[in-house]
Amino acid sequence: MNEEFTLEDLKQFDGQNGHKAYVAVNRKIYDVTGSKEWNEGQHHGNSAGKDLSDAIKFSPHGTGMLKKVPMVGRLVK
């Protein structure tokens, strides 16, 4: 899928109140809704609906975990 999202669009996908949980990493948007690691749009202090490009650099799993979730689009300005 090649849907385009702005940061404002991405905020709607916060995993709260039945919304899907999307995160941006390196300008790609990933759907983490089905990941058991993401509960209610939260994962170890990180929130869905945001650009986590900087935060993922400091995570123990790095970008490797993104291979397990679908990429649904890309982040645009």
PDB file of N, CA and C in Angstrom:
ATOM      1  N   MET A   1       0.853  -1.180   0.000  1.00  0.00           N
ATOM      2  CA  MET A   1       0.000   0.000   0.000  1.00  0.00           C
ATOM      3  C   MET A   1       0.894   1.235   0.000  1.00  0.00           C
ATOM      4  N   ASN A   2       0.486   2.241  -0.708  1.00  0.00           N
ATOM      5  CA  ASN A   2       1.311   3.431  -0.837  1.00  0.00           C
ATOM      6  C   ASN A   2       0.538   4.686  -0.446  1.00  0.00           C
ATOM      7  N   GLU A   3      -0.254   4.595   0.601  1.00  0.00           N
ATOM      8  CA  GLU A   3      -1.023   5.744   1.067  1.00  0.00           C
ATOM      9  C   GLU A   3      -0.076   6.764   1.698  1.00  0.00           C
ATOM     10  N   GLU A   4      -0.385   8.036   1.533  1.00  0.00           N
ATOM     11  CA  GLU A   4       0.432   9.100   2.108  1.00  0.00           C
ATOM     12  C   GLU A   4      -0.236   9.652   3.357  1.00  0.00           C
ATOM     13  N   PHE A   5       0.571   9.877   4.394  1.00  0.00           N
ATOM     14  CA  PHE A   5       0.102  10.417   5.665  1.00  0.00           C
ATOM     15  C   PHE A   5       0.960  11.615   6.044  1.00  0.00           C
ATOM     16  N   THR A   6       0.330  12.651   6.578  1.00  0.00           N
ATOM     17  CA  THR A   6       1.069  13.734   7.222  1.00  0.00           C
ATOM     18  C   THR A   6       1.155  13.387   8.706  1.00  0.00           C
ATOM     19  N   LEU A   7       1.942  14.126   9.457  1.00  0.00           N
ATOM     20  CA  LEU A   7       1.993  13.906  10.908  1.00  0.00           C
ATOM     21  C   LEU A   7       0.625  14.138  11.532  1.00  0.00           C
ATOM     22  N   GLU A   8      -0.107  15.089  10.992  1.00  0.00           N
ATOM     23  CA  GLU A   8      -1.458  15.364  11.498  1.00  0.00           C
ATOM     24  C   GLU A   8      -2.381  14.169  11.238  1.00  0.00           C
ATOM     25  N   ASP A   9      -2.293  13.578  10.055  1.00  0.00           N
ATOM     26  CA  ASP A   9      -3.079  12.375   9.740  1.00  0.00           C
ATOM     27  C   ASP A   9      -2.721  11.238  10.692  1.00  0.00           C
ATOM     28  N   LEU A  10      -1.441  11.070  10.918  1.00  0.00           N
ATOM     29  CA  LEU A  10      -0.940   9.964  11.735  1.00  0.00           C
ATOM     30  C   LEU A  10      -1.484  10.007  13.157  1.00  0.00           C
ATOM     31  N   LYS A  11      -1.699  11.198  13.685  1.00  0.00           N
ATOM     32  CA  LYS A  11      -2.203  11.352  15.059  1.00  0.00           C
ATOM     33  C   LYS A  11      -3.525  10.624  15.286  1.00  0.00           C
ATOM     34  N   GLN A  12      -4.307  10.459  14.231  1.00  0.00           N
ATOM     35  CA  GLN A  12      -5.607   9.787  14.347  1.00  0.00           C
ATOM     36  C   GLN A  12      -5.465   8.292  14.626  1.00  0.00           C
ATOM     37  N   PHE A  13      -4.298   7.732  14.351  1.00  0.00           N
ATOM     38  CA  PHE A  13      -4.061   6.295  14.487  1.00  0.00           C
ATOM     39  C   PHE A  13      -3.255   6.022  15.755  1.00  0.00           C
ATOM     40  N   ASP A  14      -3.876   6.373  16.892  1.00  0.00           N
ATOM     41  CA  ASP A  14      -3.181   6.296  18.181  1.00  0.00           C
ATOM     42  C   ASP A  14      -3.467   5.017  18.965  1.00  0.00           C
ATOM     43  N   GLY A  15      -4.293   4.135  18.415  1.00  0.00           N
ATOM     44  CA  GLY A  15      -4.609   2.880  19.095  1.00  0.00           C
ATOM     45  C   GLY A  15      -5.588   3.014  20.244  1.00  0.00           C
ATOM     46  N   GLN A  16      -6.146   4.183  20.430  1.00  0.00           N
ATOM     47  CA  GLN A  16      -7.083   4.440  21.523  1.00  0.00           C
ATOM     48  C   GLN A  16      -8.522   4.371  21.013  1.00  0.00           C
ATOM     49  N   ASN A  17      -9.440   3.962  21.881  1.00  0.00           N
ATOM     50  CA  ASN A  17     -10.880   3.984  21.581  1.00  0.00           C
ATOM     51  C   ASN A  17     -11.239   3.314  20.253  1.00  0.00           C
ATOM     52  N   GLY A  18     -10.621   2.187  19.982  1.00  0.00           N
ATOM     53  CA  GLY A  18     -10.942   1.433  18.775  1.00  0.00           C
ATOM     54  C   GLY A  18     -10.219   1.862  17.514  1.00  0.00           C
ATOM     55  N   HIS A  19      -9.382   2.896  17.592  1.00  0.00           N
ATOM     56  CA  HIS A  19      -8.617   3.325  16.419  1.00  0.00           C
ATOM     57  C   HIS A  19      -7.465   2.363  16.165  1.00  0.00           C
ATOM     58  N   LYS A  20      -7.067   2.251  14.926  1.00  0.00           N
ATOM     59  CA  LYS A  20      -5.877   1.475  14.590  1.00  0.00           C
ATOM     60  C   LYS A  20      -4.650   2.173  15.167  1.00  0.00           C
ATOM     61  N   ALA A  21      -3.566   1.405  15.321  1.00  0.00           N
ATOM     62  CA  ALA A  21      -2.316   1.937  15.861  1.00  0.00           C
ATOM     63  C   ALA A  21      -1.255   1.921  14.761  1.00  0.00           C
ATOM     64  N   TYR A  22      -0.882   3.111  14.288  1.00  0.00           N
ATOM     65  CA  TYR A  22       0.143   3.256  13.265  1.00  0.00           C
ATOM     66  C   TYR A  22       1.318   4.025  13.855  1.00  0.00           C
ATOM     67  N   VAL A  23       2.515   3.681  13.395  1.00  0.00           N
ATOM     68  CA  VAL A  23       3.711   4.432  13.771  1.00  0.00           C
ATOM     69  C   VAL A  23       4.513   4.718  12.508  1.00  0.00           C
ATOM     70  N   ALA A  24       5.236   5.813  12.532  1.00  0.00           N
ATOM     71  CA  ALA A  24       6.124   6.157  11.426  1.00  0.00           C
ATOM     72  C   ALA A  24       7.560   5.891  11.856  1.00  0.00           C
ATOM     73  N   VAL A  25       8.321   5.287  10.964  1.00  0.00           N
ATOM     74  CA  VAL A  25       9.753   5.081  11.177  1.00  0.00           C
ATOM     75  C   VAL A  25      10.436   5.287   9.829  1.00  0.00           C
ATOM     76  N   ASN A  26      11.344   6.231   9.804  1.00  0.00           N
ATOM     77  CA  ASN A  26      12.095   6.532   8.579  1.00  0.00           C
ATOM     78  C   ASN A  26      11.169   6.753   7.378  1.00  0.00           C
ATOM     79  N   ARG A  27      10.141   7.540   7.606  1.00  0.00           N
ATOM     80  CA  ARG A  27       9.178   7.983   6.601  1.00  0.00           C
ATOM     81  C   ARG A  27       8.246   6.885   6.091  1.00  0.00           C
ATOM     82  N   LYS A  28       8.286   5.721   6.713  1.00  0.00           N
ATOM     83  CA  LYS A  28       7.355   4.645   6.375  1.00  0.00           C
ATOM     84  C   LYS A  28       6.365   4.494   7.519  1.00  0.00           C
ATOM     85  N   ILE A  29       5.111   4.188   7.182  1.00  0.00           N
ATOM     86  CA  ILE A  29       4.058   4.023   8.188  1.00  0.00           C
ATOM     87  C   ILE A  29       3.767   2.532   8.350  1.00  0.00           C
ATOM     88  N   TYR A  30       3.785   2.086   9.602  1.00  0.00           N
ATOM     89  CA  TYR A  30       3.548   0.676   9.920  1.00  0.00           C
ATOM     90  C   TYR A  30       2.308   0.541  10.795  1.00  0.00           C
ATOM     91  N   ASP A  31       1.549  -0.519  10.555  1.00  0.00           N
ATOM     92  CA  ASP A  31       0.351  -0.825  11.337  1.00  0.00           C
ATOM     93  C   ASP A  31       0.732  -1.812  12.434  1.00  0.00           C
ATOM     94  N   VAL A  32       0.789  -1.328  13.676  1.00  0.00           N
ATOM     95  CA  VAL A  32       1.149  -2.176  14.822  1.00  0.00           C
ATOM     96  C   VAL A  32      -0.088  -2.609  15.608  1.00  0.00           C
ATOM     97  N   THR A  33      -1.267  -2.394  15.033  1.00  0.00           N
ATOM     98  CA  THR A  33      -2.523  -2.713  15.712  1.00  0.00           C
ATOM     99  C   THR A  33      -2.560  -4.156  16.195  1.00  0.00           C
ATOM    100  N   GLY A  34      -2.157  -5.091  15.357  1.00  0.00           N
ATOM    101  CA  GLY A  34      -2.241  -6.508  15.694  1.00  0.00           C
ATOM    102  C   GLY A  34      -1.085  -7.047  16.507  1.00  0.00           C
ATOM    103  N   SER A  35      -0.106  -6.215  16.800  1.00  0.00           N
ATOM    104  CA  SER A  35       1.051  -6.673  17.568  1.00  0.00           C
ATOM    105  C   SER A  35       0.708  -6.739  19.049  1.00  0.00           C
ATOM    106  N   LYS A  36       0.953  -7.891  19.661  1.00  0.00           N
ATOM    107  CA  LYS A  36       0.662  -8.020  21.092  1.00  0.00           C
ATOM    108  C   LYS A  36       1.600  -7.167  21.939  1.00  0.00           C
ATOM    109  N   GLU A  37       2.669  -6.671  21.347  1.00  0.00           N
ATOM    110  CA  GLU A  37       3.598  -5.788  22.062  1.00  0.00           C
ATOM    111  C   GLU A  37       3.025  -4.377  22.226  1.00  0.00           C
ATOM    112  N   TRP A  38       2.035  -4.046  21.415  1.00  0.00           N
ATOM    113  CA  TRP A  38       1.405  -2.726  21.456  1.00  0.00           C
ATOM    114  C   TRP A  38       0.019  -2.864  22.066  1.00  0.00           C
ATOM    115  N   ASN A  39      -0.137  -2.450  23.304  1.00  0.00           N
ATOM    116  CA  ASN A  39      -1.409  -2.542  24.006  1.00  0.00           C
ATOM    117  C   ASN A  39      -2.017  -1.146  24.129  1.00  0.00           C
ATOM    118  N   GLU A  40      -3.218  -0.973  23.574  1.00  0.00           N
ATOM    119  CA  GLU A  40      -3.890   0.335  23.612  1.00  0.00           C
ATOM    120  C   GLU A  40      -3.006   1.446  23.041  1.00  0.00           C
ATOM    121  N   GLY A  41      -2.225   1.109  22.014  1.00  0.00           N
ATOM    122  CA  GLY A  41      -1.393   2.109  21.354  1.00  0.00           C
ATOM    123  C   GLY A  41      -0.141   2.491  22.116  1.00  0.00           C
ATOM    124  N   GLN A  42       0.263   1.664  23.076  1.00  0.00           N
ATOM    125  CA  GLN A  42       1.451   1.953  23.890  1.00  0.00           C
ATOM    126  C   GLN A  42       2.438   0.788  23.825  1.00  0.00           C
ATOM    127  N   HIS A  43       3.720   1.118  23.801  1.00  0.00           N
ATOM    128  CA  HIS A  43       4.773   0.101  23.803  1.00  0.00           C
ATOM    129  C   HIS A  43       5.997   0.688  24.499  1.00  0.00           C
ATOM    130  N   HIS A  44       6.232   0.256  25.710  1.00  0.00           N
ATOM    131  CA  HIS A  44       7.409   0.680  26.481  1.00  0.00           C
ATOM    132  C   HIS A  44       7.615   2.197  26.460  1.00  0.00           C
ATOM    133  N   GLY A  45       6.556   2.933  26.734  1.00  0.00           N
ATOM    134  CA  GLY A  45       6.647   4.390  26.814  1.00  0.00           C
ATOM    135  C   GLY A  45       6.504   5.111  25.485  1.00  0.00           C
ATOM    136  N   ASN A  46       6.374   4.374  24.404  1.00  0.00           N
ATOM    137  CA  ASN A  46       6.160   4.982  23.092  1.00  0.00           C
ATOM    138  C   ASN A  46       4.683   4.892  22.737  1.00  0.00           C
ATOM    139  N   SER A  47       4.202   5.904  22.047  1.00  0.00           N
ATOM    140  CA  SER A  47       2.787   5.966  21.687  1.00  0.00           C
ATOM    141  C   SER A  47       2.603   5.861  20.184  1.00  0.00           C
ATOM    142  N   ALA A  48       1.564   5.142  19.788  1.00  0.00           N
ATOM    143  CA  ALA A  48       1.194   5.080  18.375  1.00  0.00           C
ATOM    144  C   ALA A  48       0.666   6.445  17.946  1.00  0.00           C
ATOM    145  N   GLY A  49       0.643   6.650  16.643  1.00  0.00           N
ATOM    146  CA  GLY A  49       0.175   7.918  16.109  1.00  0.00           C
ATOM    147  C   GLY A  49       1.277   8.955  16.008  1.00  0.00           C
ATOM    148  N   LYS A  50       2.523   8.487  16.131  1.00  0.00           N
ATOM    149  CA  LYS A  50       3.665   9.412  16.134  1.00  0.00           C
ATOM    150  C   LYS A  50       4.791   8.890  15.251  1.00  0.00           C
ATOM    151  N   ASP A  51       5.725   9.784  14.962  1.00  0.00           N
ATOM    152  CA  ASP A  51       6.954   9.423  14.263  1.00  0.00           C
ATOM    153  C   ASP A  51       7.950   8.944  15.314  1.00  0.00           C
ATOM    154  N   LEU A  52       8.303   7.671  15.265  1.00  0.00           N
ATOM    155  CA  LEU A  52       9.206   7.083  16.256  1.00  0.00           C
ATOM    156  C   LEU A  52      10.600   6.818  15.682  1.00  0.00           C
ATOM    157  N   SER A  53      10.954   7.528  14.626  1.00  0.00           N
ATOM    158  CA  SER A  53      12.250   7.323  13.976  1.00  0.00           C
ATOM    159  C   SER A  53      13.418   7.502  14.933  1.00  0.00           C
ATOM    160  N   ASP A  54      13.372   8.503  15.784  1.00  0.00           N
ATOM    161  CA  ASP A  54      14.462   8.718  16.738  1.00  0.00           C
ATOM    162  C   ASP A  54      14.404   7.711  17.874  1.00  0.00           C
ATOM    163  N   ALA A  55      13.217   7.439  18.386  1.00  0.00           N
ATOM    164  CA  ALA A  55      13.064   6.535  19.530  1.00  0.00           C
ATOM    165  C   ALA A  55      13.524   5.122  19.207  1.00  0.00           C
ATOM    166  N   ILE A  56      13.280   4.654  17.996  1.00  0.00           N
ATOM    167  CA  ILE A  56      13.607   3.267  17.659  1.00  0.00           C
ATOM    168  C   ILE A  56      15.113   3.034  17.617  1.00  0.00           C
ATOM    169  N   LYS A  57      15.876   4.091  17.428  1.00  0.00           N
ATOM    170  CA  LYS A  57      17.338   3.970  17.432  1.00  0.00           C
ATOM    171  C   LYS A  57      17.855   3.484  18.779  1.00  0.00           C
ATOM    172  N   PHE A  58      17.104   3.760  19.838  1.00  0.00           N
ATOM    173  CA  PHE A  58      17.530   3.406  21.186  1.00  0.00           C
ATOM    174  C   PHE A  58      16.849   2.148  21.717  1.00  0.00           C
ATOM    175  N   SER A  59      16.021   1.520  20.904  1.00  0.00           N
ATOM    176  CA  SER A  59      15.314   0.319  21.362  1.00  0.00           C
ATOM    177  C   SER A  59      16.214  -0.905  21.182  1.00  0.00           C
ATOM    178  N   PRO A  60      16.053  -1.911  22.034  1.00  0.00           N
ATOM    179  CA  PRO A  60      16.896  -3.104  21.924  1.00  0.00           C
ATOM    180  C   PRO A  60      16.648  -3.893  20.635  1.00  0.00           C
ATOM    181  N   HIS A  61      15.449  -3.801  20.060  1.00  0.00           N
ATOM    182  CA  HIS A  61      15.147  -4.564  18.844  1.00  0.00           C
ATOM    183  C   HIS A  61      15.417  -3.787  17.573  1.00  0.00           C
ATOM    184  N   GLY A  62      15.618  -2.480  17.664  1.00  0.00           N
ATOM    185  CA  GLY A  62      15.850  -1.674  16.474  1.00  0.00           C
ATOM    186  C   GLY A  62      14.702  -1.787  15.486  1.00  0.00           C
ATOM    187  N   THR A  63      15.006  -1.651  14.221  1.00  0.00           N
ATOM    188  CA  THR A  63      13.963  -1.696  13.201  1.00  0.00           C
ATOM    189  C   THR A  63      13.573  -3.125  12.810  1.00  0.00           C
ATOM    190  N   GLY A  64      14.248  -4.115  13.356  1.00  0.00           N
ATOM    191  CA  GLY A  64      13.966  -5.511  13.014  1.00  0.00           C
ATOM    192  C   GLY A  64      12.535  -5.924  13.260  1.00  0.00           C
ATOM    193  N   MET A  65      11.925  -5.397  14.308  1.00  0.00           N
ATOM    194  CA  MET A  65      10.542  -5.779  14.622  1.00  0.00           C
ATOM    195  C   MET A  65       9.551  -5.312  13.567  1.00  0.00           C
ATOM    196  N   LEU A  66       9.937  -4.333  12.768  1.00  0.00           N
ATOM    197  CA  LEU A  66       9.027  -3.806  11.760  1.00  0.00           C
ATOM    198  C   LEU A  66       8.778  -4.808  10.633  1.00  0.00           C
ATOM    199  N   LYS A  67       9.633  -5.810  10.518  1.00  0.00           N
ATOM    200  CA  LYS A  67       9.434  -6.853   9.510  1.00  0.00           C
ATOM    201  C   LYS A  67       8.215  -7.707   9.836  1.00  0.00           C
ATOM    202  N   LYS A  68       7.758  -7.642  11.081  1.00  0.00           N
ATOM    203  CA  LYS A  68       6.642  -8.465  11.541  1.00  0.00           C
ATOM    204  C   LYS A  68       5.280  -7.781  11.396  1.00  0.00           C
ATOM    205  N   VAL A  69       5.273  -6.513  11.014  1.00  0.00           N
ATOM    206  CA  VAL A  69       4.017  -5.765  10.899  1.00  0.00           C
ATOM    207  C   VAL A  69       3.900  -5.176   9.492  1.00  0.00           C
ATOM    208  N   PRO A  70       2.674  -4.969   9.019  1.00  0.00           N
ATOM    209  CA  PRO A  70       2.514  -4.457   7.653  1.00  0.00           C
ATOM    210  C   PRO A  70       2.864  -2.973   7.514  1.00  0.00           C
ATOM    211  N   MET A  71       3.527  -2.645   6.412  1.00  0.00           N
ATOM    212  CA  MET A  71       3.743  -1.249   6.065  1.00  0.00           C
ATOM    213  C   MET A  71       2.502  -0.800   5.305  1.00  0.00           C
ATOM    214  N   VAL A  72       1.913   0.314   5.722  1.00  0.00           N
ATOM    215  CA  VAL A  72       0.649   0.755   5.128  1.00  0.00           C
ATOM    216  C   VAL A  72       0.750   2.069   4.361  1.00  0.00           C
ATOM    217  N   GLY A  73       1.906   2.704   4.387  1.00  0.00           N
ATOM    218  CA  GLY A  73       2.028   3.964   3.670  1.00  0.00           C
ATOM    219  C   GLY A  73       3.344   4.643   3.951  1.00  0.00           C
ATOM    220  N   ARG A  74       3.360   5.931   3.610  1.00  0.00           N
ATOM    221  CA  ARG A  74       4.584   6.699   3.847  1.00  0.00           C
ATOM    222  C   ARG A  74       4.236   8.067   4.412  1.00  0.00           C
ATOM    223  N   LEU A  75       5.187   8.596   5.155  1.00  0.00           N
ATOM    224  CA  LEU A  75       5.021   9.895   5.800  1.00  0.00           C
ATOM    225  C   LEU A  75       5.467  10.990   4.848  1.00  0.00           C
ATOM    226  N   VAL A  76       4.614  11.983   4.675  1.00  0.00           N
ATOM    227  CA  VAL A  76       4.940  13.137   3.842  1.00  0.00           C
ATOM    228  C   VAL A  76       4.810  14.388   4.697  1.00  0.00           C
ATOM    229  N   LYS A  77       5.380  15.471   4.223  1.00  0.00           N
ATOM    230  CA  LYS A  77       5.304  16.720   4.986  1.00  0.00           C
ATOM    231  C   LYS A  77       4.014  17.436   4.731  1.00  0.00           C
TER     232      LYS A  77
END
